[in-house]
Amino acid sequence: MKLGHIAAACLSLALSAGACAQTTTLKIGYATSKESHYGVGSTVFCDEVEKGTQGRFKCQHFANSALGGERDQIEAVQLGTQDLVNTSTGPVGNFVPEVKIVDIPFLFRDYDHARKVMDGPIGQDILTKFPSKGIIALAWTENGFRHMTNSKRDIVKPSDAAGLKMRTMENKVHMDGYRTFGILPTPMAFPELFGALQQGTVDGQENPIPVILSSKFSQVQKHLSLTGHVYSPALLLLSPKVWNKLSDADKKVFVDAAKKAALAQRKKVNDDENNGIAQLEKDGMKVTRTVDGAAFREALKPAYAGYAKEFGADNIKKIADVR
């Protein structure tokens, strides 16, 4: 269609369903590639928003930490200089302390348990704590159960991990737990991690299979142990600057789109868990499938005393008891 025809069409429809309404482009960022679980979830969200608003909103994707580390991106969303971030909970507790409880090691039995908690009253109540901190939490997405990799040795029990300099997120709940395993936690922003592993600045790191896969850590790490020591939720966060300008109908479109994004992201996590370990082996990693979970839980007991004091033993039990 020629430009003149388009202009004429717009003019004739201007008083109808907003067919020629101005398009707002939203900046969405995440740590990994567009093909990763974060990319899959973000793409579904953006497609659904564009469809649900008849093209009045669309997204520009900034994958692979193009807008900075997760903490930087959350700050930018809070300030309104970035519109959206699909982030792990790792740094979120620094902004919304109520989130920290879900980062406790060995709190969740499996994916079914974790997802029931996030989708149920406990998880949904945590989402209500965000607006007062200047952030809108649209939905829980997912990062996955975290596993340890390193360049030195197989990890079967905590003593195998002792003395390893392990990159962690800037997350005190994680670091307190990892110290009980004898690990030397080294907080570092994700964009710096590959280089640090390559140069031997740190011995290892811990992340879910989808992250290990999409970040090509098999190129710089020899050993993968399926410790599953922490379930790592993720969140789709929106700037209030955007939210406060939305109509009620558009707010519903954004929330519904986020729910669909969460389902797609979880499916990608499942697919990567099912197929990714074999791929990492093919890429040269030595995989330890069976670890001594009981020994890790036993080692963690001193940290759990601290968690009980900080979060309340009853609150931790409520999560553990979800069936």
C-alpha atoms as a PDB file:
ATOM      1  CA  MET A   1       0.000   0.000   0.000  1.00  0.00           C
ATOM      2  CA  LYS A   2       1.361   3.441  -0.924  1.00  0.00           C
ATOM      3  CA  LEU A   3       2.019   6.028   1.764  1.00  0.00           C
ATOM      4  CA  GLY A   4      -0.844   8.211   0.571  1.00  0.00           C
ATOM      5  CA  HIS A   5      -3.248   5.315   0.883  1.00  0.00           C
ATOM      6  CA  ILE A   6      -1.996   4.533   4.391  1.00  0.00           C
ATOM      7  CA  ALA A   7      -2.487   8.158   5.442  1.00  0.00           C
ATOM      8  CA  ALA A   8      -5.981   8.157   3.986  1.00  0.00           C
ATOM      9  CA  ALA A   9      -6.821   4.919   5.777  1.00  0.00           C
ATOM     10  CA  CYS A  10      -5.572   6.360   9.036  1.00  0.00           C
ATOM     11  CA  LEU A  11      -7.583   9.511   8.584  1.00  0.00           C
ATOM     12  CA  SER A  12     -10.787   7.615   7.877  1.00  0.00           C
ATOM     13  CA  LEU A  13     -10.275   5.382  10.915  1.00  0.00           C
ATOM     14  CA  ALA A  14      -9.036   8.037  13.312  1.00  0.00           C
ATOM     15  CA  LEU A  15     -12.323   8.222  15.162  1.00  0.00           C
ATOM     16  CA  SER A  16     -12.770   4.456  15.386  1.00  0.00           C
ATOM     17  CA  ALA A  17     -10.769   1.881  17.343  1.00  0.00           C
ATOM     18  CA  GLY A  18      -7.551   3.851  17.621  1.00  0.00           C
ATOM     19  CA  ALA A  19      -6.118   2.057  14.602  1.00  0.00           C
ATOM     20  CA  CYS A  20      -3.541   4.792  14.085  1.00  0.00           C
ATOM     21  CA  ALA A  21      -2.739   5.420  17.733  1.00  0.00           C
ATOM     22  CA  GLN A  22       0.896   6.177  18.385  1.00  0.00           C
ATOM     23  CA  THR A  23       3.079   3.162  19.105  1.00  0.00           C
ATOM     24  CA  THR A  24       5.042   3.161  22.350  1.00  0.00           C
ATOM     25  CA  THR A  25       8.228   1.082  22.268  1.00  0.00           C
ATOM     26  CA  LEU A  26       9.148  -0.507  25.592  1.00  0.00           C
ATOM     27  CA  LYS A  27      12.739  -1.416  26.454  1.00  0.00           C
ATOM     28  CA  ILE A  28      12.975  -4.915  27.962  1.00  0.00           C
ATOM     29  CA  GLY A  29      16.258  -6.336  29.217  1.00  0.00           C
ATOM     30  CA  TYR A  30      17.541  -9.667  30.533  1.00  0.00           C
ATOM     31  CA  ALA A  31      20.859 -11.362  31.266  1.00  0.00           C
ATOM     32  CA  THR A  32      20.964 -14.134  28.678  1.00  0.00           C
ATOM     33  CA  SER A  33      20.425 -14.579  24.931  1.00  0.00           C
ATOM     34  CA  LYS A  34      17.154 -14.065  23.075  1.00  0.00           C
ATOM     35  CA  GLU A  35      17.052 -17.845  22.501  1.00  0.00           C
ATOM     36  CA  SER A  36      17.288 -18.568  26.256  1.00  0.00           C
ATOM     37  CA  HIS A  37      14.424 -19.099  28.705  1.00  0.00           C
ATOM     38  CA  TYR A  38      14.491 -15.384  29.552  1.00  0.00           C
ATOM     39  CA  GLY A  39      14.328 -14.540  25.852  1.00  0.00           C
ATOM     40  CA  VAL A  40      11.470 -16.985  25.258  1.00  0.00           C
ATOM     41  CA  GLY A  41       9.405 -15.600  28.143  1.00  0.00           C
ATOM     42  CA  SER A  42      10.112 -11.991  27.191  1.00  0.00           C
ATOM     43  CA  THR A  43       9.199 -12.612  23.545  1.00  0.00           C
ATOM     44  CA  VAL A  44       5.851 -14.183  24.480  1.00  0.00           C
ATOM     45  CA  PHE A  45       5.113 -11.264  26.815  1.00  0.00           C
ATOM     46  CA  CYS A  46       5.915  -8.676  24.145  1.00  0.00           C
ATOM     47  CA  ASP A  47       3.975 -10.484  21.412  1.00  0.00           C
ATOM     48  CA  GLU A  48       0.908 -10.757  23.648  1.00  0.00           C
ATOM     49  CA  VAL A  49       1.094  -7.086  24.676  1.00  0.00           C
ATOM     50  CA  GLU A  50       1.441  -5.961  21.062  1.00  0.00           C
ATOM     51  CA  LYS A  51      -1.504  -8.143  20.056  1.00  0.00           C
ATOM     52  CA  GLY A  52      -3.665  -7.175  23.055  1.00  0.00           C
ATOM     53  CA  THR A  53      -3.130  -3.437  22.543  1.00  0.00           C
ATOM     54  CA  GLN A  54      -3.559  -3.600  18.741  1.00  0.00           C
ATOM     55  CA  GLY A  55       0.035  -2.519  18.218  1.00  0.00           C
ATOM     56  CA  ARG A  56      -0.052   0.504  20.558  1.00  0.00           C
ATOM     57  CA  PHE A  57       2.776  -1.097  22.545  1.00  0.00           C
ATOM     58  CA  LYS A  58       5.703  -3.103  21.253  1.00  0.00           C
ATOM     59  CA  CYS A  59       9.103  -4.046  22.669  1.00  0.00           C
ATOM     60  CA  GLN A  60      12.732  -3.571  21.876  1.00  0.00           C
ATOM     61  CA  HIS A  61      14.763  -6.458  23.340  1.00  0.00           C
ATOM     62  CA  PHE A  62      18.129  -5.922  25.045  1.00  0.00           C
ATOM     63  CA  ALA A  63      19.471  -9.441  25.596  1.00  0.00           C
ATOM     64  CA  ASN A  64      22.835 -10.602  26.997  1.00  0.00           C
ATOM     65  CA  SER A  65      22.996  -7.896  29.696  1.00  0.00           C
ATOM     66  CA  ALA A  66      23.138  -5.139  27.055  1.00  0.00           C
ATOM     67  CA  LEU A  67      21.605  -2.752  29.610  1.00  0.00           C
ATOM     68  CA  GLY A  68      23.876  -3.893  32.467  1.00  0.00           C
ATOM     69  CA  GLY A  69      23.718  -6.474  35.231  1.00  0.00           C
ATOM     70  CA  GLU A  70      20.406  -7.451  36.790  1.00  0.00           C
ATOM     71  CA  ARG A  71      20.812  -5.103  39.740  1.00  0.00           C
ATOM     72  CA  ASP A  72      21.556  -2.187  37.369  1.00  0.00           C
ATOM     73  CA  GLN A  73      18.483  -3.020  35.313  1.00  0.00           C
ATOM     74  CA  ILE A  74      16.188  -3.242  38.351  1.00  0.00           C
ATOM     75  CA  GLU A  75      17.440   0.181  39.473  1.00  0.00           C
ATOM     76  CA  ALA A  76      16.762   1.549  35.984  1.00  0.00           C
ATOM     77  CA  VAL A  77      13.204   0.160  36.059  1.00  0.00           C
ATOM     78  CA  GLN A  78      12.703   1.732  39.477  1.00  0.00           C
ATOM     79  CA  LEU A  79      13.980   5.078  38.149  1.00  0.00           C
ATOM     80  CA  GLY A  80      11.934   4.807  34.961  1.00  0.00           C
ATOM     81  CA  THR A  81      14.900   4.886  32.553  1.00  0.00           C
ATOM     82  CA  GLN A  82      14.181   1.262  31.560  1.00  0.00           C
ATOM     83  CA  ASP A  83      10.665  -0.094  31.075  1.00  0.00           C
ATOM     84  CA  LEU A  84      10.931  -3.819  31.822  1.00  0.00           C
ATOM     85  CA  VAL A  85      13.361  -6.425  33.114  1.00  0.00           C
ATOM     86  CA  ASN A  86      13.003 -10.200  33.270  1.00  0.00           C
ATOM     87  CA  THR A  87      15.321 -10.952  36.183  1.00  0.00           C
ATOM     88  CA  SER A  88      16.267 -13.673  38.627  1.00  0.00           C
ATOM     89  CA  THR A  89      15.398 -12.935  42.249  1.00  0.00           C
ATOM     90  CA  GLY A  90      19.133 -12.843  43.060  1.00  0.00           C
ATOM     91  CA  PRO A  91      19.449  -9.058  43.475  1.00  0.00           C
ATOM     92  CA  VAL A  92      15.727  -8.321  44.024  1.00  0.00           C
ATOM     93  CA  GLY A  93      15.873  -8.767  47.799  1.00  0.00           C
ATOM     94  CA  ASN A  94      18.073  -5.672  47.932  1.00  0.00           C
ATOM     95  CA  PHE A  95      15.027  -3.694  46.758  1.00  0.00           C
ATOM     96  CA  VAL A  96      12.132  -5.731  48.188  1.00  0.00           C
ATOM     97  CA  PRO A  97      13.303  -7.629  51.318  1.00  0.00           C
ATOM     98  CA  GLU A  98      10.187  -9.855  51.397  1.00  0.00           C
ATOM     99  CA  VAL A  99      11.529 -11.699  48.335  1.00  0.00           C
ATOM    100  CA  LYS A 100      14.599 -13.017  50.166  1.00  0.00           C
ATOM    101  CA  ILE A 101      12.760 -15.933  51.791  1.00  0.00           C
ATOM    102  CA  VAL A 102      12.319 -17.753  48.455  1.00  0.00           C
ATOM    103  CA  ASP A 103      16.112 -17.743  47.926  1.00  0.00           C
ATOM    104  CA  ILE A 104      16.784 -20.070  50.892  1.00  0.00           C
ATOM    105  CA  PRO A 105      18.807 -23.135  49.790  1.00  0.00           C
ATOM    106  CA  PHE A 106      17.001 -26.512  49.772  1.00  0.00           C
ATOM    107  CA  LEU A 107      13.676 -24.831  50.551  1.00  0.00           C
ATOM    108  CA  PHE A 108      11.855 -26.322  47.554  1.00  0.00           C
ATOM    109  CA  ARG A 109      11.564 -30.047  46.866  1.00  0.00           C
ATOM    110  CA  ASP A 110      11.061 -29.828  43.111  1.00  0.00           C
ATOM    111  CA  TYR A 111       9.581 -27.694  40.329  1.00  0.00           C
ATOM    112  CA  ASP A 112       6.016 -28.681  41.174  1.00  0.00           C
ATOM    113  CA  HIS A 113       6.448 -27.507  44.771  1.00  0.00           C
ATOM    114  CA  ALA A 114       8.165 -24.255  43.764  1.00  0.00           C
ATOM    115  CA  ARG A 115       5.573 -23.336  41.151  1.00  0.00           C
ATOM    116  CA  LYS A 116       2.683 -24.070  43.527  1.00  0.00           C
ATOM    117  CA  VAL A 117       4.201 -21.689  46.074  1.00  0.00           C
ATOM    118  CA  MET A 118       4.807 -18.925  43.507  1.00  0.00           C
ATOM    119  CA  ASP A 119       1.330 -19.247  41.977  1.00  0.00           C
ATOM    120  CA  GLY A 120      -0.404 -19.650  45.340  1.00  0.00           C
ATOM    121  CA  PRO A 121      -1.188 -17.193  48.175  1.00  0.00           C
ATOM    122  CA  ILE A 122       2.408 -16.965  49.453  1.00  0.00           C
ATOM    123  CA  GLY A 123       3.958 -16.041  46.107  1.00  0.00           C
ATOM    124  CA  GLN A 124       1.117 -13.736  45.087  1.00  0.00           C
ATOM    125  CA  ASP A 125       1.288 -11.890  48.414  1.00  0.00           C
ATOM    126  CA  ILE A 126       4.998 -11.190  47.857  1.00  0.00           C
ATOM    127  CA  LEU A 127       4.144  -9.526  44.512  1.00  0.00           C
ATOM    128  CA  THR A 128       1.985  -6.999  46.395  1.00  0.00           C
ATOM    129  CA  LYS A 129       5.080  -5.714  48.245  1.00  0.00           C
ATOM    130  CA  PHE A 130       6.667  -4.246  45.088  1.00  0.00           C
ATOM    131  CA  PRO A 131       4.638  -1.077  44.339  1.00  0.00           C
ATOM    132  CA  SER A 132       5.632   0.598  47.624  1.00  0.00           C
ATOM    133  CA  LYS A 133       9.265   0.133  46.540  1.00  0.00           C
ATOM    134  CA  GLY A 134       8.661   1.812  43.190  1.00  0.00           C
ATOM    135  CA  ILE A 135       8.449  -1.363  41.081  1.00  0.00           C
ATOM    136  CA  ILE A 136       5.519  -3.249  39.533  1.00  0.00           C
ATOM    137  CA  ALA A 137       5.884  -7.051  39.627  1.00  0.00           C
ATOM    138  CA  LEU A 138       3.720  -8.418  36.806  1.00  0.00           C
ATOM    139  CA  ALA A 139       4.395 -12.129  37.386  1.00  0.00           C
ATOM    140  CA  TRP A 140       6.805 -14.747  38.645  1.00  0.00           C
ATOM    141  CA  THR A 141       8.718 -16.181  35.690  1.00  0.00           C
ATOM    142  CA  GLU A 142      11.484 -18.744  36.258  1.00  0.00           C
ATOM    143  CA  ASN A 143      15.227 -19.279  36.191  1.00  0.00           C
ATOM    144  CA  GLY A 144      15.346 -22.854  37.536  1.00  0.00           C
ATOM    145  CA  PHE A 145      17.154 -25.015  40.091  1.00  0.00           C
ATOM    146  CA  ARG A 146      20.782 -23.949  40.461  1.00  0.00           C
ATOM    147  CA  HIS A 147      23.685 -26.370  40.008  1.00  0.00           C
ATOM    148  CA  MET A 148      27.406 -25.982  40.664  1.00  0.00           C
ATOM    149  CA  THR A 149      30.122 -25.919  38.013  1.00  0.00           C
ATOM    150  CA  ASN A 150      33.857 -25.550  38.532  1.00  0.00           C
ATOM    151  CA  SER A 151      37.219 -26.078  36.862  1.00  0.00           C
ATOM    152  CA  LYS A 152      38.814 -28.191  39.635  1.00  0.00           C
ATOM    153  CA  ARG A 153      36.877 -31.319  40.642  1.00  0.00           C
ATOM    154  CA  ASP A 154      33.625 -33.248  40.916  1.00  0.00           C
ATOM    155  CA  ILE A 155      31.337 -32.123  43.747  1.00  0.00           C
ATOM    156  CA  VAL A 156      29.391 -34.911  45.479  1.00  0.00           C
ATOM    157  CA  LYS A 157      29.351 -33.637  49.071  1.00  0.00           C
ATOM    158  CA  PRO A 158      30.001 -30.285  50.770  1.00  0.00           C
ATOM    159  CA  SER A 159      33.650 -31.068  51.556  1.00  0.00           C
ATOM    160  CA  ASP A 160      34.268 -31.374  47.787  1.00  0.00           C
ATOM    161  CA  ALA A 161      33.157 -27.767  47.386  1.00  0.00           C
ATOM    162  CA  ALA A 162      35.235 -26.516  50.331  1.00  0.00           C
ATOM    163  CA  GLY A 163      37.841 -23.953  49.369  1.00  0.00           C
ATOM    164  CA  LEU A 164      36.443 -23.274  45.911  1.00  0.00           C
ATOM    165  CA  LYS A 165      36.155 -19.623  44.972  1.00  0.00           C
ATOM    166  CA  MET A 166      32.631 -19.585  43.581  1.00  0.00           C
ATOM    167  CA  ARG A 167      30.934 -16.646  41.889  1.00  0.00           C
ATOM    168  CA  THR A 168      27.581 -15.933  43.476  1.00  0.00           C
ATOM    169  CA  MET A 169      24.926 -13.303  42.979  1.00  0.00           C
ATOM    170  CA  GLU A 170      24.833 -10.282  45.281  1.00  0.00           C
ATOM    171  CA  ASN A 171      22.549 -12.216  47.579  1.00  0.00           C
ATOM    172  CA  LYS A 172      23.260 -12.578  51.298  1.00  0.00           C
ATOM    173  CA  VAL A 173      20.795 -15.488  51.705  1.00  0.00           C
ATOM    174  CA  HIS A 174      22.711 -17.509  49.100  1.00  0.00           C
ATOM    175  CA  MET A 175      26.150 -16.524  50.416  1.00  0.00           C
ATOM    176  CA  ASP A 176      25.322 -17.405  54.040  1.00  0.00           C
ATOM    177  CA  GLY A 177      24.233 -20.856  52.874  1.00  0.00           C
ATOM    178  CA  TYR A 178      27.199 -21.464  50.591  1.00  0.00           C
ATOM    179  CA  ARG A 179      29.687 -20.605  53.348  1.00  0.00           C
ATOM    180  CA  THR A 180      28.364 -23.574  55.348  1.00  0.00           C
ATOM    181  CA  PHE A 181      29.526 -25.799  52.457  1.00  0.00           C
ATOM    182  CA  GLY A 182      33.037 -24.339  52.783  1.00  0.00           C
ATOM    183  CA  ILE A 183      32.671 -22.369  49.551  1.00  0.00           C
ATOM    184  CA  LEU A 184      34.318 -18.957  49.280  1.00  0.00           C
ATOM    185  CA  PRO A 185      31.427 -16.890  47.837  1.00  0.00           C
ATOM    186  CA  THR A 186      32.523 -14.186  45.411  1.00  0.00           C
ATOM    187  CA  PRO A 187      29.675 -11.842  44.458  1.00  0.00           C
ATOM    188  CA  MET A 188      30.004 -10.622  40.906  1.00  0.00           C
ATOM    189  CA  ALA A 189      27.684  -9.135  38.287  1.00  0.00           C
ATOM    190  CA  PHE A 190      26.688 -11.700  35.662  1.00  0.00           C
ATOM    191  CA  PRO A 191      28.188  -9.848  32.644  1.00  0.00           C
ATOM    192  CA  GLU A 192      31.654 -10.203  34.227  1.00  0.00           C
ATOM    193  CA  LEU A 193      31.326 -13.933  34.907  1.00  0.00           C
ATOM    194  CA  PHE A 194      32.438 -15.603  31.667  1.00  0.00           C
ATOM    195  CA  GLY A 195      35.681 -13.608  31.609  1.00  0.00           C
ATOM    196  CA  ALA A 196      36.344 -14.322  35.300  1.00  0.00           C
ATOM    197  CA  LEU A 197      35.930 -18.084  34.698  1.00  0.00           C
ATOM    198  CA  GLN A 198      38.134 -17.905  31.607  1.00  0.00           C
ATOM    199  CA  GLN A 199      40.906 -16.088  33.482  1.00  0.00           C
ATOM    200  CA  GLY A 200      40.612 -18.251  36.612  1.00  0.00           C
ATOM    201  CA  THR A 201      39.662 -15.290  38.816  1.00  0.00           C
ATOM    202  CA  VAL A 202      37.032 -17.634  40.239  1.00  0.00           C
ATOM    203  CA  ASP A 203      37.019 -21.449  40.209  1.00  0.00           C
ATOM    204  CA  GLY A 204      33.344 -21.902  39.540  1.00  0.00           C
ATOM    205  CA  GLN A 205      29.813 -20.597  39.546  1.00  0.00           C
ATOM    206  CA  GLU A 206      26.279 -21.844  40.171  1.00  0.00           C
ATOM    207  CA  ASN A 207      23.318 -21.393  37.876  1.00  0.00           C
ATOM    208  CA  PRO A 208      20.394 -23.304  36.393  1.00  0.00           C
ATOM    209  CA  ILE A 209      20.963 -25.525  33.342  1.00  0.00           C
ATOM    210  CA  PRO A 210      19.294 -23.016  30.946  1.00  0.00           C
ATOM    211  CA  VAL A 211      21.841 -20.354  31.979  1.00  0.00           C
ATOM    212  CA  ILE A 212      24.838 -22.723  31.869  1.00  0.00           C
ATOM    213  CA  LEU A 213      23.702 -23.771  28.403  1.00  0.00           C
ATOM    214  CA  SER A 214      22.889 -20.379  26.879  1.00  0.00           C
ATOM    215  CA  SER A 215      26.008 -18.746  28.376  1.00  0.00           C
ATOM    216  CA  LYS A 216      28.277 -21.483  26.972  1.00  0.00           C
ATOM    217  CA  PHE A 217      29.971 -22.063  30.334  1.00  0.00           C
ATOM    218  CA  SER A 218      31.031 -25.490  29.024  1.00  0.00           C
ATOM    219  CA  GLN A 219      33.804 -23.588  27.230  1.00  0.00           C
ATOM    220  CA  VAL A 220      35.351 -22.477  30.533  1.00  0.00           C
ATOM    221  CA  GLN A 221      34.166 -25.080  33.092  1.00  0.00           C
ATOM    222  CA  LYS A 222      34.956 -28.786  33.213  1.00  0.00           C
ATOM    223  CA  HIS A 223      32.791 -30.111  36.057  1.00  0.00           C
ATOM    224  CA  LEU A 224      29.012 -29.865  36.501  1.00  0.00           C
ATOM    225  CA  SER A 225      27.364 -31.254  39.636  1.00  0.00           C
ATOM    226  CA  LEU A 226      23.565 -31.489  39.724  1.00  0.00           C
ATOM    227  CA  THR A 227      23.305 -30.129  43.253  1.00  0.00           C
ATOM    228  CA  GLY A 228      19.919 -28.399  42.779  1.00  0.00           C
ATOM    229  CA  HIS A 229      20.817 -26.481  45.917  1.00  0.00           C
ATOM    230  CA  VAL A 230      18.606 -23.437  45.282  1.00  0.00           C
ATOM    231  CA  TYR A 231      15.423 -22.890  43.299  1.00  0.00           C
ATOM    232  CA  SER A 232      15.880 -19.616  41.471  1.00  0.00           C
ATOM    233  CA  PRO A 233      12.585 -17.870  40.710  1.00  0.00           C
ATOM    234  CA  ALA A 234      12.502 -14.947  38.324  1.00  0.00           C
ATOM    235  CA  LEU A 235      10.269 -11.907  37.917  1.00  0.00           C
ATOM    236  CA  LEU A 236       8.919  -9.761  35.131  1.00  0.00           C
ATOM    237  CA  LEU A 237       9.229  -6.229  36.497  1.00  0.00           C
ATOM    238  CA  LEU A 238       7.717  -3.080  35.014  1.00  0.00           C
ATOM    239  CA  SER A 239       8.407   0.579  35.675  1.00  0.00           C
ATOM    240  CA  PRO A 240       5.588   2.428  37.490  1.00  0.00           C
ATOM    241  CA  LYS A 241       6.218   5.226  34.977  1.00  0.00           C
ATOM    242  CA  VAL A 242       4.665   2.937  32.342  1.00  0.00           C
ATOM    243  CA  TRP A 243       2.093   1.245  34.589  1.00  0.00           C
ATOM    244  CA  ASN A 244       0.605   4.469  35.905  1.00  0.00           C
ATOM    245  CA  LYS A 245      -0.178   5.671  32.379  1.00  0.00           C
ATOM    246  CA  LEU A 246      -2.009   2.474  31.371  1.00  0.00           C
ATOM    247  CA  SER A 247      -5.783   2.220  31.210  1.00  0.00           C
ATOM    248  CA  ASP A 248      -7.390  -0.523  33.298  1.00  0.00           C
ATOM    249  CA  ALA A 249      -7.940  -2.520  30.100  1.00  0.00           C
ATOM    250  CA  ASP A 250      -4.267  -2.233  29.139  1.00  0.00           C
ATOM    251  CA  LYS A 251      -3.165  -3.165  32.672  1.00  0.00           C
ATOM    252  CA  LYS A 252      -5.139  -6.382  32.282  1.00  0.00           C
ATOM    253  CA  VAL A 253      -3.449  -7.021  28.910  1.00  0.00           C
ATOM    254  CA  PHE A 254      -0.003  -6.593  30.515  1.00  0.00           C
ATOM    255  CA  VAL A 255      -0.802  -8.890  33.470  1.00  0.00           C
ATOM    256  CA  ASP A 256      -2.353 -11.579  31.248  1.00  0.00           C
ATOM    257  CA  ALA A 257       0.632 -11.359  28.888  1.00  0.00           C
ATOM    258  CA  ALA A 258       2.991 -11.809  31.852  1.00  0.00           C
ATOM    259  CA  LYS A 259       1.132 -14.963  32.932  1.00  0.00           C
ATOM    260  CA  LYS A 260       1.485 -16.431  29.434  1.00  0.00           C
ATOM    261  CA  ALA A 261       5.149 -15.435  29.427  1.00  0.00           C
ATOM    262  CA  ALA A 262       5.670 -17.279  32.729  1.00  0.00           C
ATOM    263  CA  LEU A 263       4.199 -20.486  31.282  1.00  0.00           C
ATOM    264  CA  ALA A 264       6.406 -20.242  28.185  1.00  0.00           C
ATOM    265  CA  GLN A 265       9.512 -19.527  30.275  1.00  0.00           C
ATOM    266  CA  ARG A 266       8.823 -22.490  32.563  1.00  0.00           C
ATOM    267  CA  LYS A 267       8.343 -24.757  29.555  1.00  0.00           C
ATOM    268  CA  LYS A 268      11.708 -23.644  28.160  1.00  0.00           C
ATOM    269  CA  VAL A 269      13.314 -24.347  31.557  1.00  0.00           C
ATOM    270  CA  ASN A 270      11.781 -27.852  31.486  1.00  0.00           C
ATOM    271  CA  ASP A 271      13.008 -28.431  27.922  1.00  0.00           C
ATOM    272  CA  ASP A 272      16.533 -27.253  28.768  1.00  0.00           C
ATOM    273  CA  GLU A 273      16.630 -29.429  31.889  1.00  0.00           C
ATOM    274  CA  ASN A 274      15.507 -32.445  29.848  1.00  0.00           C
ATOM    275  CA  ASN A 275      17.856 -31.940  26.892  1.00  0.00           C
ATOM    276  CA  GLY A 276      20.563 -29.577  28.085  1.00  0.00           C
ATOM    277  CA  ILE A 277      22.567 -31.883  30.350  1.00  0.00           C
ATOM    278  CA  ALA A 278      23.267 -34.283  27.486  1.00  0.00           C
ATOM    279  CA  GLN A 279      24.269 -31.303  25.343  1.00  0.00           C
ATOM    280  CA  LEU A 280      26.686 -30.055  28.022  1.00  0.00           C
ATOM    281  CA  GLU A 281      28.239 -33.530  28.207  1.00  0.00           C
ATOM    282  CA  LYS A 282      28.598 -33.500  24.441  1.00  0.00           C
ATOM    283  CA  ASP A 283      30.304 -30.116  24.799  1.00  0.00           C
ATOM    284  CA  GLY A 284      32.897 -31.739  27.075  1.00  0.00           C
ATOM    285  CA  MET A 285      31.588 -31.234  30.616  1.00  0.00           C
ATOM    286  CA  LYS A 286      31.878 -34.043  33.155  1.00  0.00           C
ATOM    287  CA  VAL A 287      28.473 -34.327  34.838  1.00  0.00           C
ATOM    288  CA  THR A 288      27.984 -35.640  38.379  1.00  0.00           C
ATOM    289  CA  ARG A 289      24.337 -36.631  38.472  1.00  0.00           C
ATOM    290  CA  THR A 290      24.103 -38.056  41.994  1.00  0.00           C
ATOM    291  CA  VAL A 291      25.132 -35.848  44.897  1.00  0.00           C
ATOM    292  CA  ASP A 292      24.752 -36.345  48.647  1.00  0.00           C
ATOM    293  CA  GLY A 293      21.798 -34.013  49.226  1.00  0.00           C
ATOM    294  CA  ALA A 294      21.448 -35.120  52.843  1.00  0.00           C
ATOM    295  CA  ALA A 295      25.035 -34.037  53.580  1.00  0.00           C
ATOM    296  CA  PHE A 296      24.406 -30.624  52.006  1.00  0.00           C
ATOM    297  CA  ARG A 297      21.238 -30.168  54.060  1.00  0.00           C
ATOM    298  CA  GLU A 298      23.068 -31.190  57.238  1.00  0.00           C
ATOM    299  CA  ALA A 299      25.869 -28.705  56.514  1.00  0.00           C
ATOM    300  CA  LEU A 300      23.271 -25.985  56.000  1.00  0.00           C
ATOM    301  CA  LYS A 301      21.759 -26.266  59.505  1.00  0.00           C
ATOM    302  CA  PRO A 302      23.745 -23.340  61.016  1.00  0.00           C
ATOM    303  CA  ALA A 303      22.548 -21.079  58.195  1.00  0.00           C
ATOM    304  CA  TYR A 304      18.957 -22.235  58.719  1.00  0.00           C
ATOM    305  CA  ALA A 305      19.115 -20.979  62.308  1.00  0.00           C
ATOM    306  CA  GLY A 306      19.904 -17.546  60.870  1.00  0.00           C
ATOM    307  CA  TYR A 307      17.129 -17.838  58.272  1.00  0.00           C
ATOM    308  CA  ALA A 308      14.614 -18.748  61.007  1.00  0.00           C
ATOM    309  CA  LYS A 309      15.629 -15.670  62.950  1.00  0.00           C
ATOM    310  CA  GLU A 310      15.409 -13.387  59.893  1.00  0.00           C
ATOM    311  CA  PHE A 311      12.266 -14.731  58.196  1.00  0.00           C
ATOM    312  CA  GLY A 312      10.466 -16.604  60.978  1.00  0.00           C
ATOM    313  CA  ALA A 313      10.518 -20.389  61.340  1.00  0.00           C
ATOM    314  CA  ASP A 314       6.737 -20.478  60.806  1.00  0.00           C
ATOM    315  CA  ASN A 315       7.003 -18.653  57.472  1.00  0.00           C
ATOM    316  CA  ILE A 316       9.665 -21.067  56.236  1.00  0.00           C
ATOM    317  CA  LYS A 317       7.528 -24.012  57.387  1.00  0.00           C
ATOM    318  CA  LYS A 318       4.484 -22.629  55.522  1.00  0.00           C
ATOM    319  CA  ILE A 319       6.478 -22.766  52.279  1.00  0.00           C
ATOM    320  CA  ALA A 320       7.923 -26.211  53.051  1.00  0.00           C
ATOM    321  CA  ASP A 321       4.443 -27.557  53.846  1.00  0.00           C
ATOM    322  CA  VAL A 322       2.855 -26.590  50.509  1.00  0.00           C
ATOM    323  CA  ARG A 323       1.766 -29.764  48.710  1.00  0.00           C
END
